[in-house]
């Protein structure tokens, strides 16, 4: 899976995800930080699933209608668990993500928002 990890995702998550076979770009390598809108645009342009801890991307998508290629939002997930959890979520929900779904993992539960028909 092609992923763009937001800079708030632990940088050490990149290596294990690549070992799992994912194509990963980490926004933490960008200097200066271009901001959420640019990161979301880049993820869409490169057809990458955005992975973030940040709820601000939801506002960009739902309130401002910004296009995206799918998103995983992790809420209160310890750094050391991020890579395995991301890989697990992709394994379980990859087809939904490829269709532009937004997954939120919170309190050990997954909420999936599928894109509207015609979106």
PDB file of N, CA and C in Angstrom:
ATOM      1  N   UNK A   1       0.863  -1.176   0.000  1.00  0.00           N
ATOM      2  CA  UNK A   1       0.000   0.000   0.000  1.00  0.00           C
ATOM      3  C   UNK A   1       0.906   1.234   0.000  1.00  0.00           C
ATOM      4  N   UNK A   2       0.472   2.254  -0.722  1.00  0.00           N
ATOM      5  CA  UNK A   2       1.209   3.526  -0.757  1.00  0.00           C
ATOM      6  C   UNK A   2       0.703   4.392   0.395  1.00  0.00           C
ATOM      7  N   UNK A   3       1.622   4.816   1.256  1.00  0.00           N
ATOM      8  CA  UNK A   3       1.264   5.575   2.451  1.00  0.00           C
ATOM      9  C   UNK A   3       2.028   6.877   2.527  1.00  0.00           C
ATOM     10  N   UNK A   4       1.369   7.892   3.060  1.00  0.00           N
ATOM     11  CA  UNK A   4       2.034   9.135   3.436  1.00  0.00           C
ATOM     12  C   UNK A   4       1.780   9.309   4.927  1.00  0.00           C
ATOM     13  N   UNK A   5       2.836   9.206   5.718  1.00  0.00           N
ATOM     14  CA  UNK A   5       2.714   9.384   7.155  1.00  0.00           C
ATOM     15  C   UNK A   5       2.887  10.851   7.490  1.00  0.00           C
ATOM     16  N   UNK A   6       1.931  11.396   8.203  1.00  0.00           N
ATOM     17  CA  UNK A   6       2.031  12.769   8.683  1.00  0.00           C
ATOM     18  C   UNK A   6       3.227  12.870   9.620  1.00  0.00           C
ATOM     19  N   UNK A   7       3.750  14.055   9.790  1.00  0.00           N
ATOM     20  CA  UNK A   7       4.926  14.240  10.644  1.00  0.00           C
ATOM     21  C   UNK A   7       4.661  13.904  12.102  1.00  0.00           C
ATOM     22  N   UNK A   8       3.391  13.875  12.527  1.00  0.00           N
ATOM     23  CA  UNK A   8       3.080  13.539  13.911  1.00  0.00           C
ATOM     24  C   UNK A   8       3.157  12.029  14.169  1.00  0.00           C
ATOM     25  N   UNK A   9       3.211  11.234  13.107  1.00  0.00           N
ATOM     26  CA  UNK A   9       3.407   9.791  13.257  1.00  0.00           C
ATOM     27  C   UNK A   9       4.889   9.564  13.540  1.00  0.00           C
ATOM     28  N   UNK A  10       5.184   8.678  14.460  1.00  0.00           N
ATOM     29  CA  UNK A  10       6.557   8.420  14.880  1.00  0.00           C
ATOM     30  C   UNK A  10       7.412   8.022  13.677  1.00  0.00           C
ATOM     31  N   UNK A  11       8.521   8.698  13.487  1.00  0.00           N
ATOM     32  CA  UNK A  11       9.399   8.456  12.344  1.00  0.00           C
ATOM     33  C   UNK A  11       9.928   7.028  12.262  1.00  0.00           C
ATOM     34  N   UNK A  12      10.090   6.374  13.400  1.00  0.00           N
ATOM     35  CA  UNK A  12      10.591   4.996  13.423  1.00  0.00           C
ATOM     36  C   UNK A  12       9.551   4.001  12.912  1.00  0.00           C
ATOM     37  N   UNK A  13       8.366   4.480  12.574  1.00  0.00           N
ATOM     38  CA  UNK A  13       7.323   3.632  12.013  1.00  0.00           C
ATOM     39  C   UNK A  13       7.618   3.312  10.543  1.00  0.00           C
ATOM     40  N   UNK A  14       8.377   4.170   9.892  1.00  0.00           N
ATOM     41  CA  UNK A  14       8.653   4.029   8.456  1.00  0.00           C
ATOM     42  C   UNK A  14       9.338   2.697   8.141  1.00  0.00           C
ATOM     43  N   UNK A  15      10.407   2.393   8.844  1.00  0.00           N
ATOM     44  CA  UNK A  15      11.190   1.178   8.562  1.00  0.00           C
ATOM     45  C   UNK A  15      10.372  -0.102   8.618  1.00  0.00           C
ATOM     46  N   UNK A  16       9.664  -0.356   9.724  1.00  0.00           N
ATOM     47  CA  UNK A  16       8.856  -1.579   9.778  1.00  0.00           C
ATOM     48  C   UNK A  16       7.783  -1.640   8.690  1.00  0.00           C
ATOM     49  N   UNK A  17       7.164  -0.501   8.379  1.00  0.00           N
ATOM     50  CA  UNK A  17       6.145  -0.510   7.330  1.00  0.00           C
ATOM     51  C   UNK A  17       6.753  -0.871   5.979  1.00  0.00           C
ATOM     52  N   UNK A  18       7.961  -0.385   5.723  1.00  0.00           N
ATOM     53  CA  UNK A  18       8.633  -0.750   4.476  1.00  0.00           C
ATOM     54  C   UNK A  18       8.980  -2.233   4.457  1.00  0.00           C
ATOM     55  N   UNK A  19       9.392  -2.774   5.611  1.00  0.00           N
ATOM     56  CA  UNK A  19       9.672  -4.206   5.694  1.00  0.00           C
ATOM     57  C   UNK A  19       8.417  -5.040   5.438  1.00  0.00           C
ATOM     58  N   UNK A  20       7.255  -4.499   5.820  1.00  0.00           N
ATOM     59  CA  UNK A  20       5.987  -5.173   5.541  1.00  0.00           C
ATOM     60  C   UNK A  20       5.619  -5.081   4.058  1.00  0.00           C
ATOM     61  N   UNK A  21       6.382  -4.284   3.291  1.00  0.00           N
ATOM     62  CA  UNK A  21       6.150  -4.182   1.852  1.00  0.00           C
ATOM     63  C   UNK A  21       5.418  -2.939   1.399  1.00  0.00           C
ATOM     64  N   UNK A  22       5.195  -1.987   2.293  1.00  0.00           N
ATOM     65  CA  UNK A  22       4.477  -0.769   1.934  1.00  0.00           C
ATOM     66  C   UNK A  22       5.432   0.276   1.368  1.00  0.00           C
ATOM     67  N   UNK A  23       4.926   1.095   0.467  1.00  0.00           N
ATOM     68  CA  UNK A  23       5.648   2.233  -0.107  1.00  0.00           C
ATOM     69  C   UNK A  23       5.318   3.426   0.786  1.00  0.00           C
ATOM     70  N   UNK A  24       6.307   3.897   1.558  1.00  0.00           N
ATOM     71  CA  UNK A  24       6.046   4.871   2.618  1.00  0.00           C
ATOM     72  C   UNK A  24       6.838   6.153   2.395  1.00  0.00           C
ATOM     73  N   UNK A  25       6.137   7.283   2.524  1.00  0.00           N
ATOM     74  CA  UNK A  25       6.784   8.591   2.590  1.00  0.00           C
ATOM     75  C   UNK A  25       6.392   9.204   3.929  1.00  0.00           C
ATOM     76  N   UNK A  26       7.370   9.734   4.668  1.00  0.00           N
ATOM     77  CA  UNK A  26       7.113  10.368   5.968  1.00  0.00           C
ATOM     78  C   UNK A  26       7.266  11.880   5.830  1.00  0.00           C
ATOM     79  N   UNK A  27       6.212  12.624   6.147  1.00  0.00           N
ATOM     80  CA  UNK A  27       6.215  14.086   6.020  1.00  0.00           C
ATOM     81  C   UNK A  27       7.205  14.758   6.964  1.00  0.00           C
ATOM     82  N   UNK A  28       7.694  14.034   7.949  1.00  0.00           N
ATOM     83  CA  UNK A  28       8.691  14.592   8.861  1.00  0.00           C
ATOM     84  C   UNK A  28      10.002  14.932   8.186  1.00  0.00           C
ATOM     85  N   UNK A  29      10.211  14.439   6.965  1.00  0.00           N
ATOM     86  CA  UNK A  29      11.431  14.767   6.226  1.00  0.00           C
ATOM     87  C   UNK A  29      11.323  16.099   5.490  1.00  0.00           C
ATOM     88  N   UNK A  30      10.122  16.668   5.435  1.00  0.00           N
ATOM     89  CA  UNK A  30       9.932  17.947   4.745  1.00  0.00           C
ATOM     90  C   UNK A  30      10.344  19.092   5.660  1.00  0.00           C
ATOM     91  N   UNK A  31      11.122  20.010   5.122  1.00  0.00           N
ATOM     92  CA  UNK A  31      11.585  21.148   5.907  1.00  0.00           C
ATOM     93  C   UNK A  31      11.538  22.395   5.035  1.00  0.00           C
ATOM     94  N   UNK A  32      10.735  23.375   5.385  1.00  0.00           N
ATOM     95  CA  UNK A  32       9.855  23.415   6.556  1.00  0.00           C
ATOM     96  C   UNK A  32       8.572  22.603   6.320  1.00  0.00           C
ATOM     97  N   UNK A  33       7.850  22.358   7.411  1.00  0.00           N
ATOM     98  CA  UNK A  33       6.572  21.658   7.342  1.00  0.00           C
ATOM     99  C   UNK A  33       5.636  22.471   6.451  1.00  0.00           C
ATOM    100  N   UNK A  34       5.097  21.872   5.379  1.00  0.00           N
ATOM    101  CA  UNK A  34       4.267  22.637   4.440  1.00  0.00           C
ATOM    102  C   UNK A  34       2.839  22.884   4.928  1.00  0.00           C
ATOM    103  N   UNK A  35       2.422  22.218   5.997  1.00  0.00           N
ATOM    104  CA  UNK A  35       1.066  22.393   6.511  1.00  0.00           C
ATOM    105  C   UNK A  35       0.139  21.286   6.039  1.00  0.00           C
ATOM    106  N   UNK A  36      -0.975  21.164   6.737  1.00  0.00           N
ATOM    107  CA  UNK A  36      -1.907  20.063   6.512  1.00  0.00           C
ATOM    108  C   UNK A  36      -2.504  20.050   5.107  1.00  0.00           C
ATOM    109  N   UNK A  37      -2.877  21.206   4.582  1.00  0.00           N
ATOM    110  CA  UNK A  37      -3.501  21.237   3.254  1.00  0.00           C
ATOM    111  C   UNK A  37      -2.558  20.690   2.186  1.00  0.00           C
ATOM    112  N   UNK A  38      -1.313  21.092   2.237  1.00  0.00           N
ATOM    113  CA  UNK A  38      -0.328  20.645   1.251  1.00  0.00           C
ATOM    114  C   UNK A  38      -0.049  19.151   1.417  1.00  0.00           C
ATOM    115  N   UNK A  39       0.030  18.692   2.647  1.00  0.00           N
ATOM    116  CA  UNK A  39       0.263  17.266   2.896  1.00  0.00           C
ATOM    117  C   UNK A  39      -0.896  16.435   2.345  1.00  0.00           C
ATOM    118  N   UNK A  40      -2.122  16.874   2.592  1.00  0.00           N
ATOM    119  CA  UNK A  40      -3.289  16.144   2.094  1.00  0.00           C
ATOM    120  C   UNK A  40      -3.321  16.159   0.561  1.00  0.00           C
ATOM    121  N   UNK A  41      -2.981  17.291  -0.045  1.00  0.00           N
ATOM    122  CA  UNK A  41      -2.925  17.389  -1.508  1.00  0.00           C
ATOM    123  C   UNK A  41      -1.864  16.449  -2.079  1.00  0.00           C
ATOM    124  N   UNK A  42      -0.725  16.410  -1.418  1.00  0.00           N
ATOM    125  CA  UNK A  42       0.351  15.525  -1.889  1.00  0.00           C
ATOM    126  C   UNK A  42      -0.076  14.061  -1.814  1.00  0.00           C
ATOM    127  N   UNK A  43      -0.718  13.692  -0.706  1.00  0.00           N
ATOM    128  CA  UNK A  43      -1.196  12.316  -0.568  1.00  0.00           C
ATOM    129  C   UNK A  43      -2.160  11.974  -1.702  1.00  0.00           C
ATOM    130  N   UNK A  44      -3.057  12.878  -2.023  1.00  0.00           N
ATOM    131  CA  UNK A  44      -4.023  12.656  -3.110  1.00  0.00           C
ATOM    132  C   UNK A  44      -3.307  12.541  -4.449  1.00  0.00           C
ATOM    133  N   UNK A  45      -2.399  13.482  -4.733  1.00  0.00           N
ATOM    134  CA  UNK A  45      -1.682  13.500  -6.013  1.00  0.00           C
ATOM    135  C   UNK A  45      -0.865  12.227  -6.217  1.00  0.00           C
ATOM    136  N   UNK A  46      -0.290  11.703  -5.126  1.00  0.00           N
ATOM    137  CA  UNK A  46       0.562  10.518  -5.216  1.00  0.00           C
ATOM    138  C   UNK A  46      -0.223   9.234  -4.936  1.00  0.00           C
ATOM    139  N   UNK A  47      -1.541   9.366  -4.790  1.00  0.00           N
ATOM    140  CA  UNK A  47      -2.416   8.222  -4.497  1.00  0.00           C
ATOM    141  C   UNK A  47      -1.916   7.437  -3.283  1.00  0.00           C
ATOM    142  N   UNK A  48      -1.690   8.173  -2.202  1.00  0.00           N
ATOM    143  CA  UNK A  48      -1.218   7.571  -0.956  1.00  0.00           C
ATOM    144  C   UNK A  48      -2.289   7.708   0.121  1.00  0.00           C
ATOM    145  N   UNK A  49      -2.425   6.692   0.934  1.00  0.00           N
ATOM    146  CA  UNK A  49      -3.286   6.754   2.109  1.00  0.00           C
ATOM    147  C   UNK A  49      -2.570   7.624   3.135  1.00  0.00           C
ATOM    148  N   UNK A  50      -3.239   8.631   3.630  1.00  0.00           N
ATOM    149  CA  UNK A  50      -2.661   9.490   4.660  1.00  0.00           C
ATOM    150  C   UNK A  50      -2.846   8.820   6.015  1.00  0.00           C
ATOM    151  N   UNK A  51      -1.775   8.755   6.793  1.00  0.00           N
ATOM    152  CA  UNK A  51      -1.837   8.232   8.156  1.00  0.00           C
ATOM    153  C   UNK A  51      -1.467   9.367   9.091  1.00  0.00           C
ATOM    154  N   UNK A  52      -2.335   9.643  10.059  1.00  0.00           N
ATOM    155  CA  UNK A  52      -2.132  10.785  10.935  1.00  0.00           C
ATOM    156  C   UNK A  52      -2.663  10.505  12.335  1.00  0.00           C
ATOM    157  N   UNK A  53      -2.251  11.343  13.262  1.00  0.00           N
ATOM    158  CA  UNK A  53      -2.813  11.356  14.609  1.00  0.00           C
ATOM    159  C   UNK A  53      -3.685  12.597  14.773  1.00  0.00           C
ATOM    160  N   UNK A  54      -3.659  13.446  13.779  1.00  0.00           N
ATOM    161  CA  UNK A  54      -4.211  14.791  13.809  1.00  0.00           C
ATOM    162  C   UNK A  54      -5.662  14.819  13.336  1.00  0.00           C
ATOM    163  N   UNK A  55      -6.548  15.409  14.117  1.00  0.00           N
ATOM    164  CA  UNK A  55      -7.955  15.492  13.721  1.00  0.00           C
ATOM    165  C   UNK A  55      -8.230  16.621  12.729  1.00  0.00           C
ATOM    166  N   UNK A  56      -7.266  17.514  12.516  1.00  0.00           N
ATOM    167  CA  UNK A  56      -7.471  18.636  11.603  1.00  0.00           C
ATOM    168  C   UNK A  56      -7.710  18.201  10.164  1.00  0.00           C
ATOM    169  N   UNK A  57      -7.199  17.039   9.775  1.00  0.00           N
ATOM    170  CA  UNK A  57      -7.424  16.568   8.406  1.00  0.00           C
ATOM    171  C   UNK A  57      -8.893  16.262   8.176  1.00  0.00           C
ATOM    172  N   UNK A  58      -9.589  15.820   9.206  1.00  0.00           N
ATOM    173  CA  UNK A  58     -11.025  15.582   9.085  1.00  0.00           C
ATOM    174  C   UNK A  58     -11.766  16.853   8.720  1.00  0.00           C
ATOM    175  N   UNK A  59     -11.355  17.968   9.305  1.00  0.00           N
ATOM    176  CA  UNK A  59     -11.983  19.259   8.968  1.00  0.00           C
ATOM    177  C   UNK A  59     -11.738  19.607   7.502  1.00  0.00           C
ATOM    178  N   UNK A  60     -10.504  19.390   7.052  1.00  0.00           N
ATOM    179  CA  UNK A  60     -10.195  19.683   5.648  1.00  0.00           C
ATOM    180  C   UNK A  60     -11.047  18.839   4.706  1.00  0.00           C
ATOM    181  N   UNK A  61     -11.248  17.588   5.064  1.00  0.00           N
ATOM    182  CA  UNK A  61     -11.994  16.675   4.198  1.00  0.00           C
ATOM    183  C   UNK A  61     -13.497  16.923   4.295  1.00  0.00           C
ATOM    184  N   UNK A  62     -14.021  16.961   5.523  1.00  0.00           N
ATOM    185  CA  UNK A  62     -15.476  17.017   5.700  1.00  0.00           C
ATOM    186  C   UNK A  62     -16.049  18.426   5.627  1.00  0.00           C
ATOM    187  N   UNK A  63     -15.354  19.395   6.167  1.00  0.00           N
ATOM    188  CA  UNK A  63     -15.891  20.756   6.195  1.00  0.00           C
ATOM    189  C   UNK A  63     -15.515  21.544   4.934  1.00  0.00           C
ATOM    190  N   UNK A  64     -14.319  21.316   4.427  1.00  0.00           N
ATOM    191  CA  UNK A  64     -13.860  22.073   3.261  1.00  0.00           C
ATOM    192  C   UNK A  64     -13.927  21.279   1.967  1.00  0.00           C
ATOM    193  N   UNK A  65     -14.240  19.992   2.069  1.00  0.00           N
ATOM    194  CA  UNK A  65     -14.394  19.169   0.873  1.00  0.00           C
ATOM    195  C   UNK A  65     -13.114  18.877   0.123  1.00  0.00           C
ATOM    196  N   UNK A  66     -11.969  18.920   0.821  1.00  0.00           N
ATOM    197  CA  UNK A  66     -10.705  18.670   0.137  1.00  0.00           C
ATOM    198  C   UNK A  66     -10.604  17.197  -0.263  1.00  0.00           C
ATOM    199  N   UNK A  67     -10.167  16.965  -1.494  1.00  0.00           N
ATOM    200  CA  UNK A  67     -10.032  15.611  -2.025  1.00  0.00           C
ATOM    201  C   UNK A  67      -8.931  14.859  -1.286  1.00  0.00           C
ATOM    202  N   UNK A  68      -9.075  13.531  -1.238  1.00  0.00           N
ATOM    203  CA  UNK A  68      -8.086  12.689  -0.571  1.00  0.00           C
ATOM    204  C   UNK A  68      -8.109  11.308  -1.196  1.00  0.00           C
ATOM    205  N   UNK A  69      -7.116  10.498  -0.841  1.00  0.00           N
ATOM    206  CA  UNK A  69      -7.017   9.133  -1.377  1.00  0.00           C
ATOM    207  C   UNK A  69      -7.264   8.096  -0.295  1.00  0.00           C
ATOM    208  N   UNK A  70      -7.887   8.512   0.803  1.00  0.00           N
ATOM    209  CA  UNK A  70      -8.112   7.624   1.943  1.00  0.00           C
ATOM    210  C   UNK A  70      -7.257   8.067   3.117  1.00  0.00           C
ATOM    211  N   UNK A  71      -7.696   7.707   4.311  1.00  0.00           N
ATOM    212  CA  UNK A  71      -6.974   8.169   5.500  1.00  0.00           C
ATOM    213  C   UNK A  71      -7.153   7.181   6.651  1.00  0.00           C
ATOM    214  N   UNK A  72      -6.096   7.050   7.422  1.00  0.00           N
ATOM    215  CA  UNK A  72      -6.139   6.336   8.692  1.00  0.00           C
ATOM    216  C   UNK A  72      -5.776   7.345   9.773  1.00  0.00           C
ATOM    217  N   UNK A  73      -6.667   7.496  10.763  1.00  0.00           N
ATOM    218  CA  UNK A  73      -6.376   8.369  11.906  1.00  0.00           C
ATOM    219  C   UNK A  73      -6.260   7.500  13.149  1.00  0.00           C
ATOM    220  N   UNK A  74      -5.113   7.606  13.808  1.00  0.00           N
ATOM    221  CA  UNK A  74      -4.853   6.867  15.029  1.00  0.00           C
ATOM    222  C   UNK A  74      -5.039   7.799  16.219  1.00  0.00           C
ATOM    223  N   UNK A  75      -5.857   7.392  17.163  1.00  0.00           N
ATOM    224  CA  UNK A  75      -6.120   8.216  18.339  1.00  0.00           C
ATOM    225  C   UNK A  75      -5.501   7.528  19.553  1.00  0.00           C
ATOM    226  N   UNK A  76      -4.553   8.220  20.175  1.00  0.00           N
ATOM    227  CA  UNK A  76      -3.895   7.758  21.399  1.00  0.00           C
ATOM    228  C   UNK A  76      -3.291   6.363  21.243  1.00  0.00           C
ATOM    229  N   UNK A  77      -2.569   6.169  20.145  1.00  0.00           N
ATOM    230  CA  UNK A  77      -1.858   4.917  19.909  1.00  0.00           C
ATOM    231  C   UNK A  77      -0.386   5.155  20.234  1.00  0.00           C
ATOM    232  N   UNK A  78       0.175   4.386  21.165  1.00  0.00           N
ATOM    233  CA  UNK A  78       1.592   4.573  21.515  1.00  0.00           C
ATOM    234  C   UNK A  78       2.500   4.401  20.296  1.00  0.00           C
ATOM    235  N   UNK A  79       3.569   5.154  20.278  1.00  0.00           N
ATOM    236  CA  UNK A  79       4.508   5.146  19.157  1.00  0.00           C
ATOM    237  C   UNK A  79       4.953   3.740  18.772  1.00  0.00           C
ATOM    238  N   UNK A  80       5.301   2.934  19.753  1.00  0.00           N
ATOM    239  CA  UNK A  80       5.826   1.607  19.477  1.00  0.00           C
ATOM    240  C   UNK A  80       4.794   0.662  18.858  1.00  0.00           C
ATOM    241  N   UNK A  81       3.527   0.995  18.925  1.00  0.00           N
ATOM    242  CA  UNK A  81       2.466   0.157  18.366  1.00  0.00           C
ATOM    243  C   UNK A  81       2.008   0.620  16.981  1.00  0.00           C
ATOM    244  N   UNK A  82       2.459   1.787  16.546  1.00  0.00           N
ATOM    245  CA  UNK A  82       1.917   2.379  15.327  1.00  0.00           C
ATOM    246  C   UNK A  82       2.156   1.536  14.080  1.00  0.00           C
ATOM    247  N   UNK A  83       3.365   1.058  13.852  1.00  0.00           N
ATOM    248  CA  UNK A  83       3.659   0.320  12.617  1.00  0.00           C
ATOM    249  C   UNK A  83       2.818  -0.947  12.515  1.00  0.00           C
ATOM    250  N   UNK A  84       2.797  -1.749  13.560  1.00  0.00           N
ATOM    251  CA  UNK A  84       2.030  -2.998  13.518  1.00  0.00           C
ATOM    252  C   UNK A  84       0.541  -2.731  13.346  1.00  0.00           C
ATOM    253  N   UNK A  85       0.040  -1.701  14.019  1.00  0.00           N
ATOM    254  CA  UNK A  85      -1.379  -1.387  13.915  1.00  0.00           C
ATOM    255  C   UNK A  85      -1.735  -0.908  12.506  1.00  0.00           C
ATOM    256  N   UNK A  86      -0.921  -0.040  11.937  1.00  0.00           N
ATOM    257  CA  UNK A  86      -1.173   0.440  10.577  1.00  0.00           C
ATOM    258  C   UNK A  86      -1.203  -0.742   9.616  1.00  0.00           C
ATOM    259  N   UNK A  87      -0.230  -1.626   9.730  1.00  0.00           N
ATOM    260  CA  UNK A  87      -0.173  -2.798   8.864  1.00  0.00           C
ATOM    261  C   UNK A  87      -1.410  -3.683   9.063  1.00  0.00           C
ATOM    262  N   UNK A  88      -1.829  -3.886  10.288  1.00  0.00           N
ATOM    263  CA  UNK A  88      -3.016  -4.683  10.588  1.00  0.00           C
ATOM    264  C   UNK A  88      -4.271  -4.050   9.983  1.00  0.00           C
ATOM    265  N   UNK A  89      -4.416  -2.733  10.148  1.00  0.00           N
ATOM    266  CA  UNK A  89      -5.582  -2.036   9.600  1.00  0.00           C
ATOM    267  C   UNK A  89      -5.628  -2.132   8.078  1.00  0.00           C
ATOM    268  N   UNK A  90      -4.466  -2.023   7.453  1.00  0.00           N
ATOM    269  CA  UNK A  90      -4.408  -2.160   5.998  1.00  0.00           C
ATOM    270  C   UNK A  90      -4.800  -3.577   5.591  1.00  0.00           C
ATOM    271  N   UNK A  91      -4.322  -4.563   6.330  1.00  0.00           N
ATOM    272  CA  UNK A  91      -4.677  -5.942   6.029  1.00  0.00           C
ATOM    273  C   UNK A  91      -6.168  -6.203   6.155  1.00  0.00           C
ATOM    274  N   UNK A  92      -6.792  -5.602   7.143  1.00  0.00           N
ATOM    275  CA  UNK A  92      -8.213  -5.824   7.384  1.00  0.00           C
ATOM    276  C   UNK A  92      -9.117  -4.949   6.521  1.00  0.00           C
ATOM    277  N   UNK A  93      -8.658  -3.746   6.188  1.00  0.00           N
ATOM    278  CA  UNK A  93      -9.536  -2.768   5.536  1.00  0.00           C
ATOM    279  C   UNK A  93      -8.919  -2.144   4.281  1.00  0.00           C
ATOM    280  N   UNK A  94      -7.939  -2.824   3.692  1.00  0.00           N
ATOM    281  CA  UNK A  94      -7.235  -2.278   2.540  1.00  0.00           C
ATOM    282  C   UNK A  94      -8.138  -1.952   1.365  1.00  0.00           C
ATOM    283  N   UNK A  95      -9.110  -2.814   1.090  1.00  0.00           N
ATOM    284  CA  UNK A  95      -9.975  -2.551  -0.060  1.00  0.00           C
ATOM    285  C   UNK A  95     -10.831  -1.301   0.161  1.00  0.00           C
ATOM    286  N   UNK A  96     -11.287  -1.083   1.386  1.00  0.00           N
ATOM    287  CA  UNK A  96     -12.051   0.133   1.697  1.00  0.00           C
ATOM    288  C   UNK A  96     -11.148   1.364   1.582  1.00  0.00           C
ATOM    289  N   UNK A  97      -9.916   1.263   2.080  1.00  0.00           N
ATOM    290  CA  UNK A  97      -8.983   2.383   1.990  1.00  0.00           C
ATOM    291  C   UNK A  97      -8.693   2.733   0.531  1.00  0.00           C
ATOM    292  N   UNK A  98      -8.520   1.717  -0.304  1.00  0.00           N
ATOM    293  CA  UNK A  98      -8.248   1.964  -1.717  1.00  0.00           C
ATOM    294  C   UNK A  98      -9.406   2.654  -2.414  1.00  0.00           C
ATOM    295  N   UNK A  99     -10.601   2.557  -1.841  1.00  0.00           N
ATOM    296  CA  UNK A  99     -11.775   3.236  -2.388  1.00  0.00           C
ATOM    297  C   UNK A  99     -11.985   4.611  -1.763  1.00  0.00           C
ATOM    298  N   UNK A 100     -11.046   5.044  -0.899  1.00  0.00           N
ATOM    299  CA  UNK A 100     -11.134   6.377  -0.316  1.00  0.00           C
ATOM    300  C   UNK A 100     -11.773   6.438   1.060  1.00  0.00           C
ATOM    301  N   UNK A 101     -11.841   5.313   1.759  1.00  0.00           N
ATOM    302  CA  UNK A 101     -12.428   5.304   3.102  1.00  0.00           C
ATOM    303  C   UNK A 101     -11.541   6.044   4.095  1.00  0.00           C
ATOM    304  N   UNK A 102     -12.174   6.484   5.157  1.00  0.00           N
ATOM    305  CA  UNK A 102     -11.456   7.088   6.281  1.00  0.00           C
ATOM    306  C   UNK A 102     -11.664   6.174   7.477  1.00  0.00           C
ATOM    307  N   UNK A 103     -10.548   5.685   8.020  1.00  0.00           N
ATOM    308  CA  UNK A 103     -10.581   4.818   9.192  1.00  0.00           C
ATOM    309  C   UNK A 103     -10.118   5.615  10.397  1.00  0.00           C
ATOM    310  N   UNK A 104     -10.840   5.501  11.474  1.00  0.00           N
ATOM    311  CA  UNK A 104     -10.416   6.090  12.740  1.00  0.00           C
ATOM    312  C   UNK A 104     -10.284   4.955  13.740  1.00  0.00           C
ATOM    313  N   UNK A 105      -9.099   4.823  14.317  1.00  0.00           N
ATOM    314  CA  UNK A 105      -8.855   3.809  15.333  1.00  0.00           C
ATOM    315  C   UNK A 105      -8.788   4.515  16.678  1.00  0.00           C
ATOM    316  N   UNK A 106      -9.743   4.219  17.548  1.00  0.00           N
ATOM    317  CA  UNK A 106      -9.831   4.864  18.857  1.00  0.00           C
ATOM    318  C   UNK A 106     -10.398   3.863  19.852  1.00  0.00           C
ATOM    319  N   UNK A 107      -9.792   3.813  21.021  1.00  0.00           N
ATOM    320  CA  UNK A 107     -10.268   2.913  22.081  1.00  0.00           C
ATOM    321  C   UNK A 107     -10.389   1.476  21.596  1.00  0.00           C
ATOM    322  N   UNK A 108      -9.409   1.033  20.807  1.00  0.00           N
ATOM    323  CA  UNK A 108      -9.351  -0.338  20.294  1.00  0.00           C
ATOM    324  C   UNK A 108     -10.509  -0.693  19.362  1.00  0.00           C
ATOM    325  N   UNK A 109     -11.164   0.330  18.809  1.00  0.00           N
ATOM    326  CA  UNK A 109     -12.251   0.116  17.866  1.00  0.00           C
ATOM    327  C   UNK A 109     -11.963   0.889  16.578  1.00  0.00           C
ATOM    328  N   UNK A 110     -12.482   0.377  15.478  1.00  0.00           N
ATOM    329  CA  UNK A 110     -12.297   1.010  14.174  1.00  0.00           C
ATOM    330  C   UNK A 110     -13.633   1.545  13.682  1.00  0.00           C
ATOM    331  N   UNK A 111     -13.630   2.809  13.312  1.00  0.00           N
ATOM    332  CA  UNK A 111     -14.794   3.410  12.656  1.00  0.00           C
ATOM    333  C   UNK A 111     -14.401   3.639  11.195  1.00  0.00           C
ATOM    334  N   UNK A 112     -15.258   3.218  10.297  1.00  0.00           N
ATOM    335  CA  UNK A 112     -14.972   3.342   8.864  1.00  0.00           C
ATOM    336  C   UNK A 112     -16.025   4.238   8.240  1.00  0.00           C
ATOM    337  N   UNK A 113     -15.540   5.263   7.542  1.00  0.00           N
ATOM    338  CA  UNK A 113     -16.423   6.127   6.759  1.00  0.00           C
ATOM    339  C   UNK A 113     -16.104   5.899   5.302  1.00  0.00           C
ATOM    340  N   UNK A 114     -17.046   5.305   4.624  1.00  0.00           N
ATOM    341  CA  UNK A 114     -16.854   5.075   3.193  1.00  0.00           C
ATOM    342  C   UNK A 114     -17.205   6.345   2.431  1.00  0.00           C
ATOM    343  N   UNK A 115     -16.553   6.549   1.284  1.00  0.00           N
ATOM    344  CA  UNK A 115     -16.876   7.754   0.497  1.00  0.00           C
ATOM    345  C   UNK A 115     -18.300   7.669  -0.030  1.00  0.00           C
ATOM    346  N   UNK A 116     -18.892   8.819  -0.227  1.00  0.00           N
ATOM    347  CA  UNK A 116     -20.236   8.878  -0.805  1.00  0.00           C
ATOM    348  C   UNK A 116     -20.159   8.435  -2.257  1.00  0.00           C
ATOM    349  N   UNK A 117     -21.218   7.838  -2.743  1.00  0.00           N
ATOM    350  CA  UNK A 117     -21.275   7.411  -4.140  1.00  0.00           C
ATOM    351  C   UNK A 117     -21.060   8.627  -5.040  1.00  0.00           C
ATOM    352  N   UNK A 118     -20.200   8.469  -6.012  1.00  0.00           N
ATOM    353  CA  UNK A 118     -19.925   9.557  -6.947  1.00  0.00           C
ATOM    354  C   UNK A 118     -18.849  10.510  -6.456  1.00  0.00           C
ATOM    355  N   UNK A 119     -18.278  10.242  -5.280  1.00  0.00           N
ATOM    356  CA  UNK A 119     -17.224  11.123  -4.749  1.00  0.00           C
ATOM    357  C   UNK A 119     -15.881  10.766  -5.353  1.00  0.00           C
TER     358      UNK A 119
END
